[in-house]
């Protein structure tokens, strides 16, 4: 929901009126939207549920959502409709297509999700948060980037302190899915580092409750100062103070790293159906800003080697930080707004 919220904030500042249409699931995450954004809840559904009854009812719920969206659009015709992927966006984009309204989609990841894939050839523009994004043959995308939180923008290009013989911060974060491998491997890897390097490391690691005790035990036995918690609310601050970030390569994490500018070791989620996290990491890796380690090679020994290389080379780590900055798109929300304006103007001519 964050790219949608960011676009809404920019459009409101430019004098536009903004409505958000979503389903019951999406409606749980609208708390950050400005109060002036009208929220319209529509029926939607996904075919990903395993139950036969849910799969059978999904087409009917989607159809009902599309009809409701069309009725809403007839009462209050939008100038432009923007979809941000996922089944919550299906009714509105379907209605816009059927009614021939100006429409566009935004894809956060380097691979189109199912809904965006279905509409890629039925919209007027495709905004890409990750570059390059794999698109169907014959289609071009607009690289807008992924909007980041205001707290990230406040630390845009924060000066990077290279590693040296003083306390160094390593930040470890994993997504809601598959974070267990980070909780298991990273503490063991840091424990394997040479003593002269290990003595300076301070770790802040997000870990699930069921993994936290084991991670804390490994760090304690290795004499490493570590803060292990299921969630950190001050990630922007921690990123800006870090010498190295070890993380999943979710689209928002990659965007945050590139706007602040930090060296990273990225571990794509192997269970991702479209392997989108590998695509997300590609830009930073090719720029020399990150090292990508597939789960198949993500062992304590291999990770310890990579951590040691980054934290023992001052010039190399500074190069990685600068390379990450070169991939940043801090003006992503404004770029999305520009596309909206272009579609609106094109529709008027």
Protein backbone atom coordinates (compact mmCIF):
# COMPACT_ATOMS: atom_id res chain seq x y z
CA UNK A 1 0.00 0.00 0.00
CA UNK A 2 2.93 2.38 0.49
CA UNK A 3 3.46 3.33 -3.19
CA UNK A 4 -0.27 4.11 -3.40
CA UNK A 5 -0.08 6.23 -0.26
CA UNK A 6 2.98 8.11 -1.56
CA UNK A 7 1.29 8.87 -4.87
CA UNK A 8 -1.86 10.01 -3.06
CA UNK A 9 0.16 12.45 -0.94
CA UNK A 10 1.84 13.97 -3.99
CA UNK A 11 -1.41 14.24 -5.96
CA UNK A 12 -3.19 15.88 -3.03
CA UNK A 13 -0.36 18.40 -2.70
CA UNK A 14 -0.83 19.22 -6.38
CA UNK A 15 -4.52 19.91 -5.90
CA UNK A 16 -6.02 16.62 -7.06
CA UNK A 17 -8.81 14.70 -5.37
CA UNK A 18 -7.87 11.11 -4.56
CA UNK A 19 -9.91 7.98 -3.89
CA UNK A 20 -8.57 4.58 -2.86
CA UNK A 21 -10.48 1.43 -3.79
CA UNK A 22 -9.40 -1.80 -2.16
CA UNK A 23 -10.83 -4.96 -0.65
CA UNK A 24 -11.34 -5.94 2.98
CA UNK A 25 -7.74 -7.15 3.31
CA UNK A 26 -6.27 -3.97 1.88
CA UNK A 27 -8.55 -1.83 4.04
CA UNK A 28 -6.64 -3.04 7.10
CA UNK A 29 -3.55 -1.12 5.93
CA UNK A 30 -4.96 2.31 5.04
CA UNK A 31 -4.19 3.96 8.37
CA UNK A 32 -1.29 5.96 6.92
CA UNK A 33 -3.34 7.57 4.14
CA UNK A 34 -4.27 11.26 4.52
CA UNK A 35 -7.75 11.83 5.94
CA UNK A 36 -8.84 13.56 2.73
CA UNK A 37 -8.46 10.31 0.75
CA UNK A 38 -11.86 8.65 0.39
CA UNK A 39 -11.69 4.88 0.97
CA UNK A 40 -14.04 2.67 -1.05
CA UNK A 41 -14.10 -1.02 -0.10
CA UNK A 42 -14.99 -3.47 -2.90
CA UNK A 43 -15.26 -7.22 -3.05
CA UNK A 44 -12.25 -9.06 -4.42
CA UNK A 45 -10.69 -12.49 -4.11
CA UNK A 46 -7.61 -14.52 -4.91
CA UNK A 47 -7.27 -17.95 -6.49
CA UNK A 48 -4.29 -18.71 -4.25
CA UNK A 49 -6.41 -20.16 -1.44
CA UNK A 50 -6.20 -23.93 -1.22
CA UNK A 51 -9.84 -24.57 -0.40
CA UNK A 52 -12.09 -25.66 -3.25
CA UNK A 53 -14.99 -23.52 -2.03
CA UNK A 54 -12.80 -20.39 -1.96
CA UNK A 55 -11.57 -21.03 -5.50
CA UNK A 56 -15.11 -21.61 -6.77
CA UNK A 57 -16.41 -18.41 -5.18
CA UNK A 58 -13.48 -16.23 -6.31
CA UNK A 59 -14.81 -15.43 -9.84
CA UNK A 60 -18.17 -14.34 -8.42
CA UNK A 61 -16.55 -12.07 -5.83
CA UNK A 62 -14.31 -10.54 -8.48
CA UNK A 63 -17.26 -9.96 -10.80
CA UNK A 64 -19.21 -8.31 -7.99
CA UNK A 65 -16.23 -6.06 -7.25
CA UNK A 66 -15.90 -5.05 -10.90
CA UNK A 67 -19.61 -4.19 -11.15
CA UNK A 68 -19.40 -2.11 -7.97
CA UNK A 69 -16.32 -0.28 -9.30
CA UNK A 70 -18.12 0.50 -12.57
CA UNK A 71 -21.11 1.89 -10.69
CA UNK A 72 -18.83 4.04 -8.55
CA UNK A 73 -16.96 5.31 -11.61
CA UNK A 74 -20.22 6.24 -13.33
CA UNK A 75 -21.25 8.31 -10.30
CA UNK A 76 -17.83 9.92 -9.95
CA UNK A 77 -15.78 9.49 -13.13
CA UNK A 78 -12.02 9.43 -12.42
CA UNK A 79 -9.51 11.19 -14.66
CA UNK A 80 -6.95 8.40 -14.21
CA UNK A 81 -7.05 4.98 -12.51
CA UNK A 82 -3.79 3.58 -11.09
CA UNK A 83 -3.40 -0.04 -9.99
CA UNK A 84 -0.66 -1.19 -7.63
CA UNK A 85 -0.91 -4.93 -8.18
CA UNK A 86 -2.51 -7.74 -6.26
CA UNK A 87 -6.13 -8.83 -6.30
CA UNK A 88 -7.33 -5.75 -4.35
CA UNK A 89 -6.58 -3.71 -7.49
CA UNK A 90 -8.42 -6.10 -9.84
CA UNK A 91 -11.94 -4.56 -9.65
CA UNK A 92 -10.86 -0.96 -10.28
CA UNK A 93 -8.46 -1.73 -13.14
CA UNK A 94 -11.01 -4.07 -14.75
CA UNK A 95 -13.68 -1.38 -14.53
CA UNK A 96 -11.31 1.23 -15.99
CA UNK A 97 -10.50 -1.09 -18.90
CA UNK A 98 -14.15 -1.86 -19.62
CA UNK A 99 -15.07 1.82 -19.45
CA UNK A 100 -11.99 2.89 -21.47
CA UNK A 101 -10.73 5.21 -18.75
CA UNK A 102 -7.05 6.29 -18.69
CA UNK A 103 -5.26 3.69 -16.60
CA UNK A 104 -1.82 2.56 -15.51
CA UNK A 105 -0.23 0.00 -13.23
CA UNK A 106 2.77 0.18 -10.92
CA UNK A 107 4.87 -2.93 -10.25
CA UNK A 108 7.21 -2.87 -7.26
CA UNK A 109 9.16 -6.02 -8.14
CA UNK A 110 11.38 -6.91 -11.07
CA UNK A 111 8.78 -9.47 -12.23
CA UNK A 112 5.12 -8.64 -12.81
CA UNK A 113 2.68 -10.13 -10.32
CA UNK A 114 -0.30 -12.12 -11.56
CA UNK A 115 -2.78 -9.25 -11.70
CA UNK A 116 -0.32 -6.81 -13.25
CA UNK A 117 0.66 -9.50 -15.75
CA UNK A 118 -2.98 -9.92 -16.71
CA UNK A 119 -3.44 -6.18 -17.30
CA UNK A 120 -0.04 -5.31 -18.78
CA UNK A 121 -1.42 -5.22 -22.34
CA UNK A 122 -4.65 -3.52 -21.25
CA UNK A 123 -3.28 -0.35 -19.68
CA UNK A 124 -1.89 2.89 -21.08
CA UNK A 125 1.34 2.84 -19.06
CA UNK A 126 3.39 0.50 -16.89
CA UNK A 127 5.39 2.12 -14.08
CA UNK A 128 8.30 0.00 -12.87
CA UNK A 129 9.66 0.24 -9.35
CA UNK A 130 12.61 -2.06 -10.11
CA UNK A 131 14.80 -1.85 -13.19
CA UNK A 132 14.92 -3.78 -15.34
CA UNK A 133 11.45 -5.30 -14.92
CA UNK A 134 10.59 -8.37 -16.95
CA UNK A 135 7.71 -7.35 -19.24
CA UNK A 136 5.78 -9.20 -21.95
CA UNK A 137 7.25 -8.91 -25.45
CA UNK A 138 6.45 -5.66 -27.19
CA UNK A 139 5.75 -3.67 -24.03
CA UNK A 140 7.84 -0.83 -22.61
CA UNK A 141 7.90 0.29 -19.01
CA UNK A 142 8.63 3.62 -17.34
CA UNK A 143 11.26 3.37 -14.62
CA UNK A 144 9.79 5.46 -11.81
CA UNK A 145 11.34 3.60 -8.89
CA UNK A 146 9.59 2.58 -5.68
CA UNK A 147 8.49 5.39 -3.37
CA UNK A 148 10.10 5.24 0.08
CA UNK A 149 8.89 6.46 3.45
CA UNK A 150 9.49 10.05 4.53
CA UNK A 151 11.78 8.74 7.29
CA UNK A 152 13.97 7.13 4.63
CA UNK A 153 14.01 10.32 2.52
CA UNK A 154 15.17 12.25 5.59
CA UNK A 155 18.33 10.10 5.54
CA UNK A 156 18.86 10.22 1.78
CA UNK A 157 22.59 9.94 1.07
CA UNK A 158 23.51 9.99 4.76
CA UNK A 159 27.33 10.01 5.07
CA UNK A 160 28.72 6.48 5.17
CA UNK A 161 31.32 5.68 7.83
CA UNK A 162 33.54 2.95 6.34
CA UNK A 163 34.54 -0.05 8.42
CA UNK A 164 37.64 0.21 10.57
CA UNK A 165 39.13 -0.60 13.98
CA UNK A 166 36.16 0.77 15.91
CA UNK A 167 32.57 -0.33 16.62
CA UNK A 168 30.77 -1.33 13.42
CA UNK A 169 27.07 -1.90 12.94
CA UNK A 170 25.61 -4.85 11.03
CA UNK A 171 21.84 -4.76 10.52
CA UNK A 172 20.00 -7.96 9.64
CA UNK A 173 16.37 -7.93 8.51
CA UNK A 174 14.16 -10.58 6.94
CA UNK A 175 10.69 -10.39 5.49
CA UNK A 176 7.60 -11.92 7.05
CA UNK A 177 8.24 -15.05 4.98
CA UNK A 178 11.32 -17.21 5.21
CA UNK A 179 13.25 -15.14 7.74
CA UNK A 180 14.24 -18.28 9.63
CA UNK A 181 17.28 -18.96 7.47
CA UNK A 182 18.68 -15.54 8.35
CA UNK A 183 18.07 -16.22 12.03
CA UNK A 184 19.97 -19.49 11.80
CA UNK A 185 22.84 -18.65 9.45
CA UNK A 186 23.82 -15.06 10.24
CA UNK A 187 24.71 -15.56 13.95
CA UNK A 188 26.80 -18.62 13.11
CA UNK A 189 28.55 -16.73 10.29
CA UNK A 190 29.44 -13.75 12.46
CA UNK A 191 30.71 -16.11 15.16
CA UNK A 192 33.15 -17.53 12.57
CA UNK A 193 34.76 -14.16 11.80
CA UNK A 194 38.38 -13.49 12.86
CA UNK A 195 38.64 -12.20 16.42
CA UNK A 196 40.14 -8.81 15.42
CA UNK A 197 37.08 -8.17 13.25
CA UNK A 198 34.49 -9.80 15.46
CA UNK A 199 35.40 -7.71 18.52
CA UNK A 200 34.21 -4.54 16.78
CA UNK A 201 30.88 -5.82 15.45
CA UNK A 202 27.54 -4.79 16.91
CA UNK A 203 24.51 -6.61 15.49
CA UNK A 204 20.87 -5.58 15.26
CA UNK A 205 18.85 -8.51 13.93
CA UNK A 206 15.18 -8.98 13.27
CA UNK A 207 14.20 -12.57 14.08
CA UNK A 208 10.98 -14.39 14.73
CA UNK A 209 10.15 -15.10 18.35
CA UNK A 210 10.78 -18.81 17.82
CA UNK A 211 14.27 -18.11 16.39
CA UNK A 212 15.36 -15.29 18.68
CA UNK A 213 16.54 -17.35 21.67
CA UNK A 214 18.85 -19.50 19.53
CA UNK A 215 20.31 -16.44 17.78
CA UNK A 216 20.91 -14.69 21.10
CA UNK A 217 22.63 -17.78 22.48
CA UNK A 218 25.04 -18.03 19.52
CA UNK A 219 25.89 -14.34 19.75
CA UNK A 220 26.42 -14.52 23.51
CA UNK A 221 28.69 -17.57 23.28
CA UNK A 222 30.76 -15.78 20.61
CA UNK A 223 31.04 -12.64 22.75
CA UNK A 224 29.18 -10.49 20.21
CA UNK A 225 27.02 -7.57 21.25
CA UNK A 226 23.64 -8.19 19.62
CA UNK A 227 20.12 -6.84 19.82
CA UNK A 228 17.62 -9.42 18.56
CA UNK A 229 13.95 -8.47 18.18
CA UNK A 230 10.98 -9.51 16.02
CA UNK A 231 10.67 -5.99 14.59
CA UNK A 232 12.54 -2.68 14.61
CA UNK A 233 10.53 0.52 14.25
CA UNK A 234 13.64 2.62 13.57
CA UNK A 235 15.01 0.86 10.48
CA UNK A 236 15.82 4.15 8.67
CA UNK A 237 18.05 5.22 11.57
CA UNK A 238 19.68 1.80 11.83
CA UNK A 239 20.36 1.67 8.07
CA UNK A 240 21.96 5.11 8.11
CA UNK A 241 24.32 4.06 10.92
CA UNK A 242 25.19 0.64 9.46
CA UNK A 243 28.42 -0.44 7.82
CA UNK A 244 26.63 -3.47 6.32
CA UNK A 245 23.04 -4.64 5.86
CA UNK A 246 22.11 -8.31 5.41
CA UNK A 247 18.55 -8.73 4.19
CA UNK A 248 15.95 -10.27 1.95
CA UNK A 249 15.69 -8.44 -1.37
CA UNK A 250 12.11 -7.29 -1.11
CA UNK A 251 11.32 -4.30 -3.31
CA UNK A 252 10.96 -1.84 -0.43
CA UNK A 253 14.20 -2.98 1.23
CA UNK A 254 16.12 -2.57 -2.04
CA UNK A 255 14.63 0.91 -2.49
CA UNK A 256 15.56 1.91 1.08
CA UNK A 257 19.15 0.70 0.64
CA UNK A 258 19.57 2.62 -2.61
CA UNK A 259 18.17 5.90 -1.25
CA UNK A 260 20.30 5.84 1.92
CA UNK A 261 23.26 4.16 0.18
CA UNK A 262 24.58 1.15 2.09
CA UNK A 263 26.56 -2.00 1.19
CA UNK A 264 24.43 -5.10 1.45
CA UNK A 265 24.34 -8.86 1.23
CA UNK A 266 20.99 -9.87 -0.25
CA UNK A 267 19.39 -13.29 0.16
CA UNK A 268 16.41 -13.69 -2.21
CA UNK A 269 13.45 -15.65 -0.91
CA UNK A 270 13.71 -19.04 -2.61
CA UNK A 271 10.01 -19.77 -2.09
CA UNK A 272 8.92 -16.76 -4.16
CA UNK A 273 6.85 -18.18 -7.03
CA UNK A 274 8.20 -15.83 -9.70
CA UNK A 275 11.67 -15.47 -8.12
CA UNK A 276 11.00 -11.74 -8.03
CA UNK A 277 13.47 -11.12 -5.20
CA UNK A 278 16.35 -12.24 -7.42
CA UNK A 279 15.16 -9.75 -10.03
CA UNK A 280 14.87 -7.07 -7.35
CA UNK A 281 18.49 -7.56 -6.27
CA UNK A 282 19.93 -7.54 -9.78
CA UNK A 283 20.32 -3.76 -10.13
CA UNK A 284 22.29 -3.35 -6.91
CA UNK A 285 24.42 -6.42 -7.65
CA UNK A 286 25.30 -5.32 -11.20
CA UNK A 287 26.14 -1.83 -9.93
CA UNK A 288 28.60 -3.33 -7.42
CA UNK A 289 26.52 -2.23 -4.42
CA UNK A 290 25.48 -5.65 -3.15
CA UNK A 291 26.45 -9.31 -3.02
CA UNK A 292 23.63 -11.72 -3.79
CA UNK A 293 23.65 -15.11 -2.06
CA UNK A 294 20.98 -17.63 -3.10
CA UNK A 295 19.65 -19.76 -0.25
CA UNK A 296 21.35 -22.79 -1.82
CA UNK A 297 24.78 -21.24 -1.10
CA UNK A 298 23.83 -19.36 2.06
CA UNK A 299 25.94 -21.25 4.60
CA UNK A 300 27.66 -19.83 7.70
CA UNK A 301 31.09 -20.38 6.13
CA UNK A 302 30.21 -18.71 2.81
CA UNK A 303 28.49 -15.78 4.52
CA UNK A 304 31.38 -15.26 6.93
CA UNK A 305 33.72 -14.97 3.95
CA UNK A 306 31.57 -12.28 2.31
CA UNK A 307 31.09 -10.33 5.55
CA UNK A 308 34.84 -10.44 6.14
CA UNK A 309 35.58 -9.14 2.63
CA UNK A 310 33.26 -6.14 3.00
CA UNK A 311 34.19 -5.17 6.56
CA UNK A 312 37.93 -5.47 5.99
CA UNK A 313 38.11 -3.28 2.88
CA UNK A 314 37.52 0.40 3.51
CA UNK A 315 37.71 1.54 -0.12
CA UNK A 316 35.64 -1.38 -1.35
CA UNK A 317 32.85 -0.75 1.15
CA UNK A 318 32.77 2.98 0.28
CA UNK A 319 32.49 2.03 -3.40
CA UNK A 320 29.55 -0.24 -2.56
CA UNK A 321 27.81 2.53 -0.63
CA UNK A 322 28.25 4.99 -3.49
CA UNK A 323 27.12 2.39 -6.02
CA UNK A 324 23.94 1.84 -4.01
CA UNK A 325 23.24 5.58 -4.10
CA UNK A 326 23.64 5.57 -7.86
CA UNK A 327 20.66 3.21 -8.08
CA UNK A 328 18.38 5.30 -5.86
CA UNK A 329 15.15 6.97 -7.03
CA UNK A 330 14.22 9.31 -4.18
CA UNK A 331 11.78 11.14 -6.48
CA UNK A 332 9.78 7.99 -7.32
CA UNK A 333 6.46 9.38 -6.06
CA UNK A 334 6.88 12.51 -8.17
CA UNK A 335 7.76 10.37 -11.21
CA UNK A 336 4.52 8.42 -10.71
CA UNK A 337 2.59 11.67 -10.46
CA UNK A 338 4.16 12.88 -13.72
CA UNK A 339 2.85 9.75 -15.47
CA UNK A 340 -0.63 10.45 -14.10
CA UNK A 341 -0.48 13.97 -15.50
CA UNK A 342 0.65 12.69 -18.89
CA UNK A 343 -2.23 10.23 -19.10
CA UNK A 344 -4.70 12.91 -18.06
CA UNK A 345 -3.42 15.35 -20.68
CA UNK A 346 -3.37 12.68 -23.38
CA UNK A 347 -7.00 11.88 -22.61
CA UNK A 348 -7.97 15.54 -23.04
CA UNK A 349 -6.42 15.85 -26.51
